[in-house]
Amino acid sequence: GASRIVPFLSTRSVPRLSQEKTGLKQVRWQKIALEAARKCHSRSIPEVGNILDFKKMLQSAGEDAAKIIFWEEEMRRNLKQVLQEKGKEAIGDFFLVVGPEGGFAKEEIELAESMDYTSVILVRQI
């Protein structure tokens, strides 16, 4: 059910692509999205946008969207808790941010939270 995929670069992103290669990657990812939609018999094909820097990606969320960023170091909230809380509100869209293989830097999480993002962990750590 994703309508849009926003690739981005963060502090711990591994690939550093040249301008030429970013355009080629975006075209490739759009083809993958098309094929995945076909395989699922979905009428909706997610738009794959250009690669953005971290701050611009955060700014691209819709005004009324519930903004959630996954962070493996989050100890206060898990996804289930936040969805239960937000379920009481009238939410049209969700903007979910999933990080790079090395996770997000603390400064990135602080920036996201200053822009009304809620950091969550997928499951409660025991």
PDB file of N, CA and C in Angstrom:
ATOM      1  N   GLY A   1       0.761  -1.196   0.000  1.00  0.00           N
ATOM      2  CA  GLY A   1       0.000   0.000   0.000  1.00  0.00           C
ATOM      3  C   GLY A   1       0.817   1.283   0.000  1.00  0.00           C
ATOM      4  N   ALA A   2       2.112   1.220  -0.246  1.00  0.00           N
ATOM      5  CA  ALA A   2       2.910   2.454  -0.294  1.00  0.00           C
ATOM      6  C   ALA A   2       2.594   3.214  -1.577  1.00  0.00           C
ATOM      7  N   SER A   3       2.435   4.518  -1.443  1.00  0.00           N
ATOM      8  CA  SER A   3       2.175   5.332  -2.631  1.00  0.00           C
ATOM      9  C   SER A   3       3.433   6.020  -3.136  1.00  0.00           C
ATOM     10  N   ARG A   4       4.437   6.125  -2.245  1.00  0.00           N
ATOM     11  CA  ARG A   4       5.651   6.851  -2.624  1.00  0.00           C
ATOM     12  C   ARG A   4       6.832   6.288  -1.846  1.00  0.00           C
ATOM     13  N   ILE A   5       7.963   6.188  -2.514  1.00  0.00           N
ATOM     14  CA  ILE A   5       9.214   5.764  -1.883  1.00  0.00           C
ATOM     15  C   ILE A   5      10.213   6.895  -2.088  1.00  0.00           C
ATOM     16  N   VAL A   6      10.805   7.351  -0.968  1.00  0.00           N
ATOM     17  CA  VAL A   6      11.733   8.481  -1.018  1.00  0.00           C
ATOM     18  C   VAL A   6      13.121   7.995  -0.602  1.00  0.00           C
ATOM     19  N   PRO A   7      13.979   7.674  -1.561  1.00  0.00           N
ATOM     20  CA  PRO A   7      15.345   7.293  -1.201  1.00  0.00           C
ATOM     21  C   PRO A   7      16.096   8.505  -0.647  1.00  0.00           C
ATOM     22  N   PHE A   8      16.988   8.255   0.319  1.00  0.00           N
ATOM     23  CA  PHE A   8      17.725   9.368   0.918  1.00  0.00           C
ATOM     24  C   PHE A   8      19.101   8.916   1.373  1.00  0.00           C
ATOM     25  N   LEU A   9      19.958   9.896   1.571  1.00  0.00           N
ATOM     26  CA  LEU A   9      21.293   9.652   2.109  1.00  0.00           C
ATOM     27  C   LEU A   9      21.333  10.131   3.544  1.00  0.00           C
ATOM     28  N   SER A  10      21.912   9.333   4.404  1.00  0.00           N
ATOM     29  CA  SER A  10      22.093   9.737   5.786  1.00  0.00           C
ATOM     30  C   SER A  10      23.561   9.560   6.154  1.00  0.00           C
ATOM     31  N   THR A  11      23.896   9.903   7.378  1.00  0.00           N
ATOM     32  CA  THR A  11      25.283   9.853   7.830  1.00  0.00           C
ATOM     33  C   THR A  11      25.915   8.484   7.606  1.00  0.00           C
ATOM     34  N   ARG A  12      25.154   7.439   7.883  1.00  0.00           N
ATOM     35  CA  ARG A  12      25.703   6.080   7.809  1.00  0.00           C
ATOM     36  C   ARG A  12      25.335   5.337   6.534  1.00  0.00           C
ATOM     37  N   SER A  13      24.853   6.041   5.532  1.00  0.00           N
ATOM     38  CA  SER A  13      24.574   5.393   4.253  1.00  0.00           C
ATOM     39  C   SER A  13      25.878   4.884   3.657  1.00  0.00           C
ATOM     40  N   VAL A  14      25.858   3.648   3.191  1.00  0.00           N
ATOM     41  CA  VAL A  14      27.084   3.050   2.667  1.00  0.00           C
ATOM     42  C   VAL A  14      27.392   3.519   1.248  1.00  0.00           C
ATOM     43  N   PRO A  15      26.474   3.365   0.296  1.00  0.00           N
ATOM     44  CA  PRO A  15      26.848   3.788  -1.061  1.00  0.00           C
ATOM     45  C   PRO A  15      26.860   5.303  -1.194  1.00  0.00           C
ATOM     46  N   ARG A  16      27.889   5.825  -1.766  1.00  0.00           N
ATOM     47  CA  ARG A  16      27.973   7.252  -2.111  1.00  0.00           C
ATOM     48  C   ARG A  16      28.023   7.297  -3.632  1.00  0.00           C
ATOM     49  N   LEU A  17      26.887   7.632  -4.224  1.00  0.00           N
ATOM     50  CA  LEU A  17      26.757   7.556  -5.671  1.00  0.00           C
ATOM     51  C   LEU A  17      27.058   8.887  -6.337  1.00  0.00           C
ATOM     52  N   SER A  18      27.613   8.789  -7.529  1.00  0.00           N
ATOM     53  CA  SER A  18      27.817   9.989  -8.330  1.00  0.00           C
ATOM     54  C   SER A  18      26.462  10.465  -8.846  1.00  0.00           C
ATOM     55  N   GLN A  19      26.407  11.685  -9.331  1.00  0.00           N
ATOM     56  CA  GLN A  19      25.162  12.253  -9.853  1.00  0.00           C
ATOM     57  C   GLN A  19      24.606  11.384 -10.983  1.00  0.00           C
ATOM     58  N   GLU A  20      25.484  10.906 -11.848  1.00  0.00           N
ATOM     59  CA  GLU A  20      25.066  10.070 -12.976  1.00  0.00           C
ATOM     60  C   GLU A  20      24.452   8.770 -12.482  1.00  0.00           C
ATOM     61  N   LYS A  21      25.080   8.148 -11.474  1.00  0.00           N
ATOM     62  CA  LYS A  21      24.593   6.866 -10.977  1.00  0.00           C
ATOM     63  C   LYS A  21      23.303   7.003 -10.181  1.00  0.00           C
ATOM     64  N   THR A  22      23.067   8.158  -9.537  1.00  0.00           N
ATOM     65  CA  THR A  22      21.821   8.312  -8.788  1.00  0.00           C
ATOM     66  C   THR A  22      20.619   8.287  -9.729  1.00  0.00           C
ATOM     67  N   GLY A  23      20.749   8.891 -10.879  1.00  0.00           N
ATOM     68  CA  GLY A  23      19.667   8.868 -11.870  1.00  0.00           C
ATOM     69  C   GLY A  23      19.396   7.463 -12.375  1.00  0.00           C
ATOM     70  N   LEU A  24      20.459   6.699 -12.615  1.00  0.00           N
ATOM     71  CA  LEU A  24      20.303   5.324 -13.071  1.00  0.00           C
ATOM     72  C   LEU A  24      19.653   4.457 -11.992  1.00  0.00           C
ATOM     73  N   LYS A  25      20.038   4.672 -10.735  1.00  0.00           N
ATOM     74  CA  LYS A  25      19.452   3.911  -9.623  1.00  0.00           C
ATOM     75  C   LYS A  25      17.962   4.208  -9.494  1.00  0.00           C
ATOM     76  N   GLN A  26      17.608   5.480  -9.618  1.00  0.00           N
ATOM     77  CA  GLN A  26      16.201   5.868  -9.485  1.00  0.00           C
ATOM     78  C   GLN A  26      15.361   5.192 -10.562  1.00  0.00           C
ATOM     79  N   VAL A  27      15.852   5.149 -11.788  1.00  0.00           N
ATOM     80  CA  VAL A  27      15.139   4.487 -12.887  1.00  0.00           C
ATOM     81  C   VAL A  27      15.008   2.990 -12.597  1.00  0.00           C
ATOM     82  N   ARG A  28      16.075   2.382 -12.112  1.00  0.00           N
ATOM     83  CA  ARG A  28      16.056   0.948 -11.782  1.00  0.00           C
ATOM     84  C   ARG A  28      15.050   0.652 -10.673  1.00  0.00           C
ATOM     85  N   TRP A  29      15.053   1.485  -9.621  1.00  0.00           N
ATOM     86  CA  TRP A  29      14.123   1.275  -8.511  1.00  0.00           C
ATOM     87  C   TRP A  29      12.673   1.440  -8.957  1.00  0.00           C
ATOM     88  N   GLN A  30      12.414   2.369  -9.880  1.00  0.00           N
ATOM     89  CA  GLN A  30      11.050   2.548 -10.375  1.00  0.00           C
ATOM     90  C   GLN A  30      10.601   1.301 -11.137  1.00  0.00           C
ATOM     91  N   LYS A  31      11.510   0.699 -11.911  1.00  0.00           N
ATOM     92  CA  LYS A  31      11.183  -0.547 -12.624  1.00  0.00           C
ATOM     93  C   LYS A  31      10.890  -1.674 -11.634  1.00  0.00           C
ATOM     94  N   ILE A  32      11.659  -1.744 -10.559  1.00  0.00           N
ATOM     95  CA  ILE A  32      11.430  -2.762  -9.532  1.00  0.00           C
ATOM     96  C   ILE A  32      10.065  -2.552  -8.889  1.00  0.00           C
ATOM     97  N   ALA A  33       9.702  -1.312  -8.589  1.00  0.00           N
ATOM     98  CA  ALA A  33       8.399  -1.007  -8.005  1.00  0.00           C
ATOM     99  C   ALA A  33       7.273  -1.420  -8.947  1.00  0.00           C
ATOM    100  N   LEU A  34       7.449  -1.179 -10.234  1.00  0.00           N
ATOM    101  CA  LEU A  34       6.452  -1.569 -11.229  1.00  0.00           C
ATOM    102  C   LEU A  34       6.279  -3.080 -11.260  1.00  0.00           C
ATOM    103  N   GLU A  35       7.395  -3.796 -11.310  1.00  0.00           N
ATOM    104  CA  GLU A  35       7.334  -5.259 -11.349  1.00  0.00           C
ATOM    105  C   GLU A  35       6.741  -5.838 -10.069  1.00  0.00           C
ATOM    106  N   ALA A  36       7.072  -5.250  -8.921  1.00  0.00           N
ATOM    107  CA  ALA A  36       6.510  -5.721  -7.654  1.00  0.00           C
ATOM    108  C   ALA A  36       4.997  -5.506  -7.628  1.00  0.00           C
ATOM    109  N   ALA A  37       4.541  -4.370  -8.130  1.00  0.00           N
ATOM    110  CA  ALA A  37       3.108  -4.093  -8.184  1.00  0.00           C
ATOM    111  C   ALA A  37       2.401  -5.086  -9.104  1.00  0.00           C
ATOM    112  N   ARG A  38       3.010  -5.377 -10.228  1.00  0.00           N
ATOM    113  CA  ARG A  38       2.432  -6.364 -11.160  1.00  0.00           C
ATOM    114  C   ARG A  38       2.333  -7.735 -10.508  1.00  0.00           C
ATOM    115  N   LYS A  39       3.388  -8.133  -9.822  1.00  0.00           N
ATOM    116  CA  LYS A  39       3.431  -9.445  -9.185  1.00  0.00           C
ATOM    117  C   LYS A  39       2.357  -9.572  -8.109  1.00  0.00           C
ATOM    118  N   CYS A  40       2.066  -8.474  -7.425  1.00  0.00           N
ATOM    119  CA  CYS A  40       1.042  -8.459  -6.363  1.00  0.00           C
ATOM    120  C   CYS A  40      -0.349  -8.169  -6.906  1.00  0.00           C
ATOM    121  N   HIS A  41      -0.454  -7.974  -8.207  1.00  0.00           N
ATOM    122  CA  HIS A  41      -1.717  -7.611  -8.848  1.00  0.00           C
ATOM    123  C   HIS A  41      -2.277  -6.316  -8.259  1.00  0.00           C
ATOM    124  N   SER A  42      -1.388  -5.396  -7.974  1.00  0.00           N
ATOM    125  CA  SER A  42      -1.790  -4.108  -7.412  1.00  0.00           C
ATOM    126  C   SER A  42      -2.039  -3.106  -8.531  1.00  0.00           C
ATOM    127  N   ARG A  43      -3.055  -2.306  -8.365  1.00  0.00           N
ATOM    128  CA  ARG A  43      -3.346  -1.254  -9.331  1.00  0.00           C
ATOM    129  C   ARG A  43      -2.502  -0.015  -9.060  1.00  0.00           C
ATOM    130  N   SER A  44      -1.953   0.033  -7.853  1.00  0.00           N
ATOM    131  CA  SER A  44      -1.190   1.208  -7.435  1.00  0.00           C
ATOM    132  C   SER A  44       0.313   0.929  -7.513  1.00  0.00           C
ATOM    133  N   ILE A  45       1.012   1.758  -8.253  1.00  0.00           N
ATOM    134  CA  ILE A  45       2.466   1.631  -8.382  1.00  0.00           C
ATOM    135  C   ILE A  45       3.098   2.784  -7.621  1.00  0.00           C
ATOM    136  N   PRO A  46       3.922   2.469  -6.597  1.00  0.00           N
ATOM    137  CA  PRO A  46       4.535   3.562  -5.849  1.00  0.00           C
ATOM    138  C   PRO A  46       5.498   4.373  -6.716  1.00  0.00           C
ATOM    139  N   GLU A  47       5.467   5.668  -6.521  1.00  0.00           N
ATOM    140  CA  GLU A  47       6.408   6.551  -7.206  1.00  0.00           C
ATOM    141  C   GLU A  47       7.732   6.503  -6.446  1.00  0.00           C
ATOM    142  N   VAL A  48       8.821   6.274  -7.156  1.00  0.00           N
ATOM    143  CA  VAL A  48      10.147   6.308  -6.545  1.00  0.00           C
ATOM    144  C   VAL A  48      10.764   7.653  -6.890  1.00  0.00           C
ATOM    145  N   GLY A  49      11.001   8.453  -5.863  1.00  0.00           N
ATOM    146  CA  GLY A  49      11.520   9.795  -6.075  1.00  0.00           C
ATOM    147  C   GLY A  49      13.030   9.831  -6.243  1.00  0.00           C
ATOM    148  N   ASN A  50      13.540  11.032  -6.428  1.00  0.00           N
ATOM    149  CA  ASN A  50      14.985  11.236  -6.496  1.00  0.00           C
ATOM    150  C   ASN A  50      15.595  11.052  -5.119  1.00  0.00           C
ATOM    151  N   ILE A  51      16.883  10.755  -5.088  1.00  0.00           N
ATOM    152  CA  ILE A  51      17.584  10.594  -3.821  1.00  0.00           C
ATOM    153  C   ILE A  51      17.771  11.971  -3.190  1.00  0.00           C
ATOM    154  N   LEU A  52      17.306  12.091  -1.933  1.00  0.00           N
ATOM    155  CA  LEU A  52      17.381  13.361  -1.215  1.00  0.00           C
ATOM    156  C   LEU A  52      18.371  13.266  -0.060  1.00  0.00           C
ATOM    157  N   ASP A  53      18.807  14.428   0.433  1.00  0.00           N
ATOM    158  CA  ASP A  53      19.588  14.388   1.666  1.00  0.00           C
ATOM    159  C   ASP A  53      18.590  14.191   2.812  1.00  0.00           C
ATOM    160  N   PHE A  54      19.094  13.867   3.985  1.00  0.00           N
ATOM    161  CA  PHE A  54      18.251  13.479   5.112  1.00  0.00           C
ATOM    162  C   PHE A  54      17.220  14.547   5.482  1.00  0.00           C
ATOM    163  N   LYS A  55      17.652  15.785   5.606  1.00  0.00           N
ATOM    164  CA  LYS A  55      16.734  16.860   6.014  1.00  0.00           C
ATOM    165  C   LYS A  55      15.639  17.085   4.978  1.00  0.00           C
ATOM    166  N   LYS A  56      15.995  17.092   3.704  1.00  0.00           N
ATOM    167  CA  LYS A  56      14.988  17.286   2.657  1.00  0.00           C
ATOM    168  C   LYS A  56      13.984  16.140   2.634  1.00  0.00           C
ATOM    169  N   MET A  57      14.483  14.924   2.902  1.00  0.00           N
ATOM    170  CA  MET A  57      13.569  13.788   2.970  1.00  0.00           C
ATOM    171  C   MET A  57      12.565  13.994   4.098  1.00  0.00           C
ATOM    172  N   LEU A  58      13.036  14.397   5.274  1.00  0.00           N
ATOM    173  CA  LEU A  58      12.132  14.640   6.400  1.00  0.00           C
ATOM    174  C   LEU A  58      11.096  15.711   6.051  1.00  0.00           C
ATOM    175  N   GLN A  59      11.527  16.742   5.341  1.00  0.00           N
ATOM    176  CA  GLN A  59      10.639  17.844   4.966  1.00  0.00           C
ATOM    177  C   GLN A  59       9.607  17.430   3.918  1.00  0.00           C
ATOM    178  N   SER A  60       9.828  16.316   3.255  1.00  0.00           N
ATOM    179  CA  SER A  60       8.923  15.911   2.178  1.00  0.00           C
ATOM    180  C   SER A  60       7.648  15.221   2.676  1.00  0.00           C
ATOM    181  N   ALA A  61       7.548  14.986   3.979  1.00  0.00           N
ATOM    182  CA  ALA A  61       6.327  14.382   4.532  1.00  0.00           C
ATOM    183  C   ALA A  61       5.174  15.365   4.436  1.00  0.00           C
ATOM    184  N   GLY A  62       3.994  14.854   4.246  1.00  0.00           N
ATOM    185  CA  GLY A  62       2.809  15.695   4.194  1.00  0.00           C
ATOM    186  C   GLY A  62       2.516  16.329   5.549  1.00  0.00           C
ATOM    187  N   GLU A  63       1.878  17.485   5.536  1.00  0.00           N
ATOM    188  CA  GLU A  63       1.555  18.227   6.762  1.00  0.00           C
ATOM    189  C   GLU A  63       0.790  17.378   7.774  1.00  0.00           C
ATOM    190  N   ASP A  64      -0.208  16.650   7.303  1.00  0.00           N
ATOM    191  CA  ASP A  64      -1.094  15.906   8.198  1.00  0.00           C
ATOM    192  C   ASP A  64      -0.675  14.456   8.408  1.00  0.00           C
ATOM    193  N   ALA A  65       0.434  14.057   7.847  1.00  0.00           N
ATOM    194  CA  ALA A  65       0.868  12.662   7.969  1.00  0.00           C
ATOM    195  C   ALA A  65       1.382  12.362   9.371  1.00  0.00           C
ATOM    196  N   ALA A  66       1.150  11.144   9.811  1.00  0.00           N
ATOM    197  CA  ALA A  66       1.768  10.657  11.050  1.00  0.00           C
ATOM    198  C   ALA A  66       3.199  10.300  10.673  1.00  0.00           C
ATOM    199  N   LYS A  67       4.173  10.950  11.301  1.00  0.00           N
ATOM    200  CA  LYS A  67       5.578  10.792  10.924  1.00  0.00           C
ATOM    201  C   LYS A  67       6.290   9.895  11.936  1.00  0.00           C
ATOM    202  N   ILE A  68       6.758   8.744  11.448  1.00  0.00           N
ATOM    203  CA  ILE A  68       7.384   7.744  12.317  1.00  0.00           C
ATOM    204  C   ILE A  68       8.745   7.376  11.749  1.00  0.00           C
ATOM    205  N   ILE A  69       9.757   7.363  12.630  1.00  0.00           N
ATOM    206  CA  ILE A  69      11.108   6.985  12.220  1.00  0.00           C
ATOM    207  C   ILE A  69      11.548   5.803  13.077  1.00  0.00           C
ATOM    208  N   PHE A  70      11.987   4.740  12.427  1.00  0.00           N
ATOM    209  CA  PHE A  70      12.426   3.539  13.135  1.00  0.00           C
ATOM    210  C   PHE A  70      13.868   3.712  13.595  1.00  0.00           C
ATOM    211  N   TRP A  71      14.101   3.432  14.890  1.00  0.00           N
ATOM    212  CA  TRP A  71      15.440   3.596  15.462  1.00  0.00           C
ATOM    213  C   TRP A  71      15.698   2.481  16.455  1.00  0.00           C
ATOM    214  N   GLU A  72      16.753   1.751  16.219  1.00  0.00           N
ATOM    215  CA  GLU A  72      17.055   0.586  17.058  1.00  0.00           C
ATOM    216  C   GLU A  72      17.444   0.941  18.488  1.00  0.00           C
ATOM    217  N   GLU A  73      17.777   2.185  18.753  1.00  0.00           N
ATOM    218  CA  GLU A  73      18.148   2.594  20.113  1.00  0.00           C
ATOM    219  C   GLU A  73      16.989   3.189  20.905  1.00  0.00           C
ATOM    220  N   GLU A  74      15.816   3.267  20.311  1.00  0.00           N
ATOM    221  CA  GLU A  74      14.644   3.803  21.010  1.00  0.00           C
ATOM    222  C   GLU A  74      14.257   2.850  22.141  1.00  0.00           C
ATOM    223  N   MET A  75      14.095   3.371  23.340  1.00  0.00           N
ATOM    224  CA  MET A  75      13.756   2.548  24.494  1.00  0.00           C
ATOM    225  C   MET A  75      12.415   2.920  25.128  1.00  0.00           C
ATOM    226  N   ARG A  76      11.798   4.010  24.671  1.00  0.00           N
ATOM    227  CA  ARG A  76      10.558   4.480  25.297  1.00  0.00           C
ATOM    228  C   ARG A  76       9.307   3.966  24.600  1.00  0.00           C
ATOM    229  N   ARG A  77       9.348   3.854  23.283  1.00  0.00           N
ATOM    230  CA  ARG A  77       8.133   3.541  22.533  1.00  0.00           C
ATOM    231  C   ARG A  77       8.406   2.462  21.496  1.00  0.00           C
ATOM    232  N   ASN A  78       7.433   1.584  21.344  1.00  0.00           N
ATOM    233  CA  ASN A  78       7.511   0.650  20.230  1.00  0.00           C
ATOM    234  C   ASN A  78       6.412   1.006  19.229  1.00  0.00           C
ATOM    235  N   LEU A  79       6.470   0.406  18.070  1.00  0.00           N
ATOM    236  CA  LEU A  79       5.531   0.743  16.997  1.00  0.00           C
ATOM    237  C   LEU A  79       4.085   0.489  17.412  1.00  0.00           C
ATOM    238  N   LYS A  80       3.836  -0.606  18.076  1.00  0.00           N
ATOM    239  CA  LYS A  80       2.466  -0.935  18.479  1.00  0.00           C
ATOM    240  C   LYS A  80       1.880   0.156  19.380  1.00  0.00           C
ATOM    241  N   GLN A  81       2.652   0.629  20.351  1.00  0.00           N
ATOM    242  CA  GLN A  81       2.174   1.685  21.249  1.00  0.00           C
ATOM    243  C   GLN A  81       1.816   2.953  20.474  1.00  0.00           C
ATOM    244  N   VAL A  82       2.686   3.346  19.587  1.00  0.00           N
ATOM    245  CA  VAL A  82       2.459   4.587  18.834  1.00  0.00           C
ATOM    246  C   VAL A  82       1.255   4.450  17.918  1.00  0.00           C
ATOM    247  N   LEU A  83       1.101   3.302  17.272  1.00  0.00           N
ATOM    248  CA  LEU A  83      -0.062   3.110  16.403  1.00  0.00           C
ATOM    249  C   LEU A  83      -1.357   3.119  17.202  1.00  0.00           C
ATOM    250  N   GLN A  84      -1.328   2.567  18.405  1.00  0.00           N
ATOM    251  CA  GLN A  84      -2.523   2.608  19.255  1.00  0.00           C
ATOM    252  C   GLN A  84      -2.849   4.047  19.647  1.00  0.00           C
ATOM    253  N   GLU A  85      -1.823   4.831  19.986  1.00  0.00           N
ATOM    254  CA  GLU A  85      -2.039   6.238  20.342  1.00  0.00           C
ATOM    255  C   GLU A  85      -2.569   7.018  19.143  1.00  0.00           C
ATOM    256  N   LYS A  86      -1.928   6.835  17.998  1.00  0.00           N
ATOM    257  CA  LYS A  86      -2.301   7.597  16.811  1.00  0.00           C
ATOM    258  C   LYS A  86      -3.609   7.109  16.206  1.00  0.00           C
ATOM    259  N   GLY A  87      -4.006   5.887  16.548  1.00  0.00           N
ATOM    260  CA  GLY A  87      -5.261   5.346  16.046  1.00  0.00           C
ATOM    261  C   GLY A  87      -6.463   6.130  16.525  1.00  0.00           C
ATOM    262  N   LYS A  88      -6.298   6.867  17.607  1.00  0.00           N
ATOM    263  CA  LYS A  88      -7.388   7.669  18.157  1.00  0.00           C
ATOM    264  C   LYS A  88      -7.554   8.986  17.405  1.00  0.00           C
ATOM    265  N   GLU A  89      -6.555   9.331  16.613  1.00  0.00           N
ATOM    266  CA  GLU A  89      -6.600  10.566  15.834  1.00  0.00           C
ATOM    267  C   GLU A  89      -7.081  10.258  14.414  1.00  0.00           C
ATOM    268  N   ALA A  90      -7.525  11.274  13.729  1.00  0.00           N
ATOM    269  CA  ALA A  90      -7.899  11.096  12.323  1.00  0.00           C
ATOM    270  C   ALA A  90      -6.647  11.280  11.475  1.00  0.00           C
ATOM    271  N   ILE A  91      -6.070  10.175  11.035  1.00  0.00           N
ATOM    272  CA  ILE A  91      -4.833  10.229  10.254  1.00  0.00           C
ATOM    273  C   ILE A  91      -5.110   9.702   8.850  1.00  0.00           C
ATOM    274  N   GLY A  92      -4.731  10.484   7.877  1.00  0.00           N
ATOM    275  CA  GLY A  92      -4.917  10.059   6.497  1.00  0.00           C
ATOM    276  C   GLY A  92      -3.722   9.300   5.966  1.00  0.00           C
ATOM    277  N   ASP A  93      -2.524   9.786   6.265  1.00  0.00           N
ATOM    278  CA  ASP A  93      -1.306   9.191   5.721  1.00  0.00           C
ATOM    279  C   ASP A  93      -0.292   8.922   6.823  1.00  0.00           C
ATOM    280  N   PHE A  94       0.561   7.963   6.539  1.00  0.00           N
ATOM    281  CA  PHE A  94       1.720   7.686   7.382  1.00  0.00           C
ATOM    282  C   PHE A  94       2.962   7.940   6.553  1.00  0.00           C
ATOM    283  N   PHE A  95       3.979   8.526   7.152  1.00  0.00           N
ATOM    284  CA  PHE A  95       5.275   8.723   6.513  1.00  0.00           C
ATOM    285  C   PHE A  95       6.270   7.963   7.387  1.00  0.00           C
ATOM    286  N   LEU A  96       6.705   6.803   6.910  1.00  0.00           N
ATOM    287  CA  LEU A  96       7.584   5.918   7.668  1.00  0.00           C
ATOM    288  C   LEU A  96       9.008   6.029   7.161  1.00  0.00           C
ATOM    289  N   VAL A  97       9.955   6.201   8.077  1.00  0.00           N
ATOM    290  CA  VAL A  97      11.357   6.356   7.702  1.00  0.00           C
ATOM    291  C   VAL A  97      12.134   5.157   8.238  1.00  0.00           C
ATOM    292  N   VAL A  98      12.748   4.437   7.317  1.00  0.00           N
ATOM    293  CA  VAL A  98      13.563   3.271   7.647  1.00  0.00           C
ATOM    294  C   VAL A  98      14.999   3.604   7.291  1.00  0.00           C
ATOM    295  N   GLY A  99      15.905   3.350   8.209  1.00  0.00           N
ATOM    296  CA  GLY A  99      17.280   3.803   8.052  1.00  0.00           C
ATOM    297  C   GLY A  99      18.190   2.879   7.283  1.00  0.00           C
ATOM    298  N   PRO A 100      19.435   3.298   7.178  1.00  0.00           N
ATOM    299  CA  PRO A 100      20.444   2.517   6.472  1.00  0.00           C
ATOM    300  C   PRO A 100      20.885   1.318   7.316  1.00  0.00           C
ATOM    301  N   GLU A 101      21.663   0.487   6.716  1.00  0.00           N
ATOM    302  CA  GLU A 101      22.144  -0.726   7.373  1.00  0.00           C
ATOM    303  C   GLU A 101      22.810  -0.441   8.717  1.00  0.00           C
ATOM    304  N   GLY A 102      23.548   0.652   8.822  1.00  0.00           N
ATOM    305  CA  GLY A 102      24.234   1.000  10.063  1.00  0.00           C
ATOM    306  C   GLY A 102      23.384   1.765  11.055  1.00  0.00           C
ATOM    307  N   GLY A 103      22.114   1.978  10.741  1.00  0.00           N
ATOM    308  CA  GLY A 103      21.227   2.717  11.637  1.00  0.00           C
ATOM    309  C   GLY A 103      21.417   4.220  11.513  1.00  0.00           C
ATOM    310  N   PHE A 104      20.594   4.959  12.226  1.00  0.00           N
ATOM    311  CA  PHE A 104      20.678   6.414  12.218  1.00  0.00           C
ATOM    312  C   PHE A 104      21.634   6.905  13.289  1.00  0.00           C
ATOM    313  N   ALA A 105      22.245   8.044  13.029  1.00  0.00           N
ATOM    314  CA  ALA A 105      23.054   8.731  14.041  1.00  0.00           C
ATOM    315  C   ALA A 105      22.095   9.434  14.997  1.00  0.00           C
ATOM    316  N   LYS A 106      22.495   9.598  16.237  1.00  0.00           N
ATOM    317  CA  LYS A 106      21.654  10.247  17.255  1.00  0.00           C
ATOM    318  C   LYS A 106      21.238  11.644  16.798  1.00  0.00           C
ATOM    319  N   GLU A 107      22.135  12.377  16.143  1.00  0.00           N
ATOM    320  CA  GLU A 107      21.832  13.725  15.661  1.00  0.00           C
ATOM    321  C   GLU A 107      20.699  13.698  14.624  1.00  0.00           C
ATOM    322  N   GLU A 108      20.645  12.653  13.819  1.00  0.00           N
ATOM    323  CA  GLU A 108      19.573  12.544  12.834  1.00  0.00           C
ATOM    324  C   GLU A 108      18.224  12.322  13.525  1.00  0.00           C
ATOM    325  N   ILE A 109      18.232  11.506  14.555  1.00  0.00           N
ATOM    326  CA  ILE A 109      16.998  11.266  15.308  1.00  0.00           C
ATOM    327  C   ILE A 109      16.549  12.553  15.992  1.00  0.00           C
ATOM    328  N   GLU A 110      17.492  13.289  16.565  1.00  0.00           N
ATOM    329  CA  GLU A 110      17.147  14.561  17.216  1.00  0.00           C
ATOM    330  C   GLU A 110      16.547  15.543  16.219  1.00  0.00           C
ATOM    331  N   LEU A 111      17.106  15.601  15.012  1.00  0.00           N
ATOM    332  CA  LEU A 111      16.556  16.473  13.973  1.00  0.00           C
ATOM    333  C   LEU A 111      15.144  16.024  13.614  1.00  0.00           C
ATOM    334  N   ALA A 112      14.965  14.732  13.424  1.00  0.00           N
ATOM    335  CA  ALA A 112      13.634  14.214  13.072  1.00  0.00           C
ATOM    336  C   ALA A 112      12.619  14.539  14.165  1.00  0.00           C
ATOM    337  N   GLU A 113      12.991  14.328  15.408  1.00  0.00           N
ATOM    338  CA  GLU A 113      12.065  14.611  16.509  1.00  0.00           C
ATOM    339  C   GLU A 113      11.732  16.100  16.597  1.00  0.00           C
ATOM    340  N   SER A 114      12.688  16.953  16.251  1.00  0.00           N
ATOM    341  CA  SER A 114      12.411  18.393  16.253  1.00  0.00           C
ATOM    342  C   SER A 114      11.432  18.779  15.146  1.00  0.00           C
ATOM    343  N   MET A 115      11.249  17.870  14.181  1.00  0.00           N
ATOM    344  CA  MET A 115      10.324  18.114  13.071  1.00  0.00           C
ATOM    345  C   MET A 115       9.051  17.262  13.226  1.00  0.00           C
ATOM    346  N   ASP A 116       8.710  16.922  14.462  1.00  0.00           N
ATOM    347  CA  ASP A 116       7.482  16.186  14.798  1.00  0.00           C
ATOM    348  C   ASP A 116       7.464  14.723  14.374  1.00  0.00           C
ATOM    349  N   TYR A 117       8.616  14.112  14.230  1.00  0.00           N
ATOM    350  CA  TYR A 117       8.680  12.681  13.991  1.00  0.00           C
ATOM    351  C   TYR A 117       8.708  11.974  15.341  1.00  0.00           C
ATOM    352  N   THR A 118       8.120  10.803  15.387  1.00  0.00           N
ATOM    353  CA  THR A 118       8.152   9.964  16.590  1.00  0.00           C
ATOM    354  C   THR A 118       9.093   8.808  16.312  1.00  0.00           C
ATOM    355  N   SER A 119      10.110   8.653  17.160  1.00  0.00           N
ATOM    356  CA  SER A 119      11.014   7.519  16.974  1.00  0.00           C
ATOM    357  C   SER A 119      10.452   6.316  17.700  1.00  0.00           C
ATOM    358  N   VAL A 120      10.531   5.159  17.033  1.00  0.00           N
ATOM    359  CA  VAL A 120      10.005   3.920  17.589  1.00  0.00           C
ATOM    360  C   VAL A 120      10.972   2.778  17.298  1.00  0.00           C
ATOM    361  N   ILE A 121      10.810   1.725  18.090  1.00  0.00           N
ATOM    362  CA  ILE A 121      11.485   0.462  17.793  1.00  0.00           C
ATOM    363  C   ILE A 121      10.371  -0.493  17.364  1.00  0.00           C
ATOM    364  N   LEU A 122      10.689  -1.438  16.503  1.00  0.00           N
ATOM    365  CA  LEU A 122       9.651  -2.346  16.024  1.00  0.00           C
ATOM    366  C   LEU A 122       9.043  -3.189  17.138  1.00  0.00           C
ATOM    367  N   VAL A 123       9.887  -3.742  18.016  1.00  0.00           N
ATOM    368  CA  VAL A 123       9.388  -4.575  19.113  1.00  0.00           C
ATOM    369  C   VAL A 123      10.039  -4.116  20.410  1.00  0.00           C
ATOM    370  N   ARG A 124       9.364  -4.385  21.492  1.00  0.00           N
ATOM    371  CA  ARG A 124       9.902  -4.010  22.816  1.00  0.00           C
ATOM    372  C   ARG A 124      11.095  -4.897  23.131  1.00  0.00           C
ATOM    373  N   GLN A 125      12.174  -4.267  23.550  1.00  0.00           N
ATOM    374  CA  GLN A 125      13.384  -4.987  23.941  1.00  0.00           C
ATOM    375  C   GLN A 125      13.241  -5.480  25.375  1.00  0.00           C
ATOM    376  N   ILE A 126      13.650  -6.710  25.631  1.00  0.00           N
ATOM    377  CA  ILE A 126      13.578  -7.264  26.986  1.00  0.00           C
ATOM    378  C   ILE A 126      14.966  -7.421  27.544  1.00  0.00           C
TER     379      ILE A 126
END
